[in-house]
């Protein structure tokens, strides 16, 4: 996937791990389909991938841009997903 001018970059190096899932979910919900979020962290981002996968299954693409050992960068792209009748796609962040 190619970055666009709409890409957002979040540098989370040096942050407490307990803060991570809420900020990632919030940032992902603000994306519109096909918009990307670049995340930079100082530890393996696999737990972030797993958390987002539980919350937004099939709704994102995950591309590793840098694979440690000191910094990891990933691009998360929101996909256009048809959630099916009566299901929320999560794109508006509503209830």
Protein backbone atom coordinates (compact mmCIF):
# COMPACT_ATOMS: atom_id res chain seq x y z
CA UNK A 1 0.00 0.00 0.00
CA UNK A 2 1.23 3.42 -0.89
CA UNK A 3 1.10 6.23 1.65
CA UNK A 4 -1.15 9.18 0.80
CA UNK A 5 -1.25 12.78 1.93
CA UNK A 6 -4.02 11.76 4.33
CA UNK A 7 -1.80 9.35 6.28
CA UNK A 8 -1.46 10.04 9.98
CA UNK A 9 1.68 9.25 11.96
CA UNK A 10 1.59 8.41 15.67
CA UNK A 11 4.89 8.07 17.50
CA UNK A 12 4.23 6.05 20.66
CA UNK A 13 7.83 5.30 21.64
CA UNK A 14 8.44 5.57 25.38
CA UNK A 15 4.74 5.36 26.27
CA UNK A 16 3.23 3.09 28.89
CA UNK A 17 1.90 -0.10 27.26
CA UNK A 18 -1.32 0.14 29.26
CA UNK A 19 -2.20 3.29 27.28
CA UNK A 20 -1.91 1.60 23.91
CA UNK A 21 -5.16 -0.24 23.15
CA UNK A 22 -7.49 2.74 23.84
CA UNK A 23 -5.47 5.18 21.72
CA UNK A 24 -5.19 2.73 18.83
CA UNK A 25 -8.91 1.97 18.79
CA UNK A 26 -9.75 5.66 18.91
CA UNK A 27 -7.32 6.57 16.12
CA UNK A 28 -8.55 3.70 13.94
CA UNK A 29 -12.20 4.71 14.32
CA UNK A 30 -11.38 8.22 13.08
CA UNK A 31 -10.01 6.87 9.79
CA UNK A 32 -12.22 6.80 6.72
CA UNK A 33 -12.02 3.75 4.43
CA UNK A 34 -8.64 3.45 2.68
CA UNK A 35 -7.03 6.05 4.94
CA UNK A 36 -3.89 4.93 6.77
CA UNK A 37 -2.33 5.38 10.15
CA UNK A 38 1.41 4.92 10.65
CA UNK A 39 2.34 3.80 14.15
CA UNK A 40 5.88 3.94 15.55
CA UNK A 41 6.61 2.00 18.75
CA UNK A 42 9.69 0.84 20.64
CA UNK A 43 8.47 -2.72 21.26
CA UNK A 44 7.03 -5.47 19.11
CA UNK A 45 3.58 -4.28 17.93
CA UNK A 46 2.08 -7.80 17.78
CA UNK A 47 -0.20 -7.14 20.81
CA UNK A 48 -1.56 -4.07 19.00
CA UNK A 49 -2.29 -6.19 15.92
CA UNK A 50 -4.07 -8.80 18.01
CA UNK A 51 -6.14 -6.20 19.91
CA UNK A 52 -7.21 -4.43 16.73
CA UNK A 53 -8.00 -7.79 15.14
CA UNK A 54 -10.38 -8.60 17.99
CA UNK A 55 -12.08 -5.21 17.79
CA UNK A 56 -12.13 -4.77 14.01
CA UNK A 57 -11.85 -8.23 12.40
CA UNK A 58 -11.25 -8.02 8.66
CA UNK A 59 -11.51 -4.22 8.69
CA UNK A 60 -7.84 -3.33 8.31
CA UNK A 61 -4.62 -4.09 6.47
CA UNK A 62 -1.39 -4.25 8.48
CA UNK A 63 1.90 -3.48 6.73
CA UNK A 64 5.24 -3.70 8.55
CA UNK A 65 7.49 -0.81 7.51
CA UNK A 66 10.30 -1.33 10.04
CA UNK A 67 10.81 -4.50 12.05
CA UNK A 68 12.88 -3.59 15.12
CA UNK A 69 15.03 -4.19 17.03
CA UNK A 70 14.78 -0.66 18.48
CA UNK A 71 11.86 0.77 16.53
CA UNK A 72 8.90 -0.82 14.81
CA UNK A 73 6.77 1.02 12.26
CA UNK A 74 3.51 -0.30 10.87
CA UNK A 75 0.96 1.15 8.49
CA UNK A 76 -2.64 0.33 9.36
CA UNK A 77 -5.12 0.96 6.56
CA UNK A 78 -8.84 0.95 7.18
CA UNK A 79 -10.65 -1.19 4.64
CA UNK A 80 -14.17 -0.63 3.33
CA UNK A 81 -16.05 -3.48 4.96
CA UNK A 82 -19.72 -4.34 4.57
CA UNK A 83 -20.65 -5.28 8.13
CA UNK A 84 -23.89 -6.96 7.07
CA UNK A 85 -27.45 -6.21 8.10
CA UNK A 86 -27.83 -4.79 11.59
CA UNK A 87 -24.10 -4.68 12.34
CA UNK A 88 -21.99 -1.60 12.96
CA UNK A 89 -18.92 -1.11 10.76
CA UNK A 90 -17.27 1.04 13.46
CA UNK A 91 -16.24 3.76 11.01
CA UNK A 92 -18.21 6.57 12.62
CA UNK A 93 -17.12 5.76 16.15
CA UNK A 94 -20.75 5.88 17.25
CA UNK A 95 -22.54 3.70 19.69
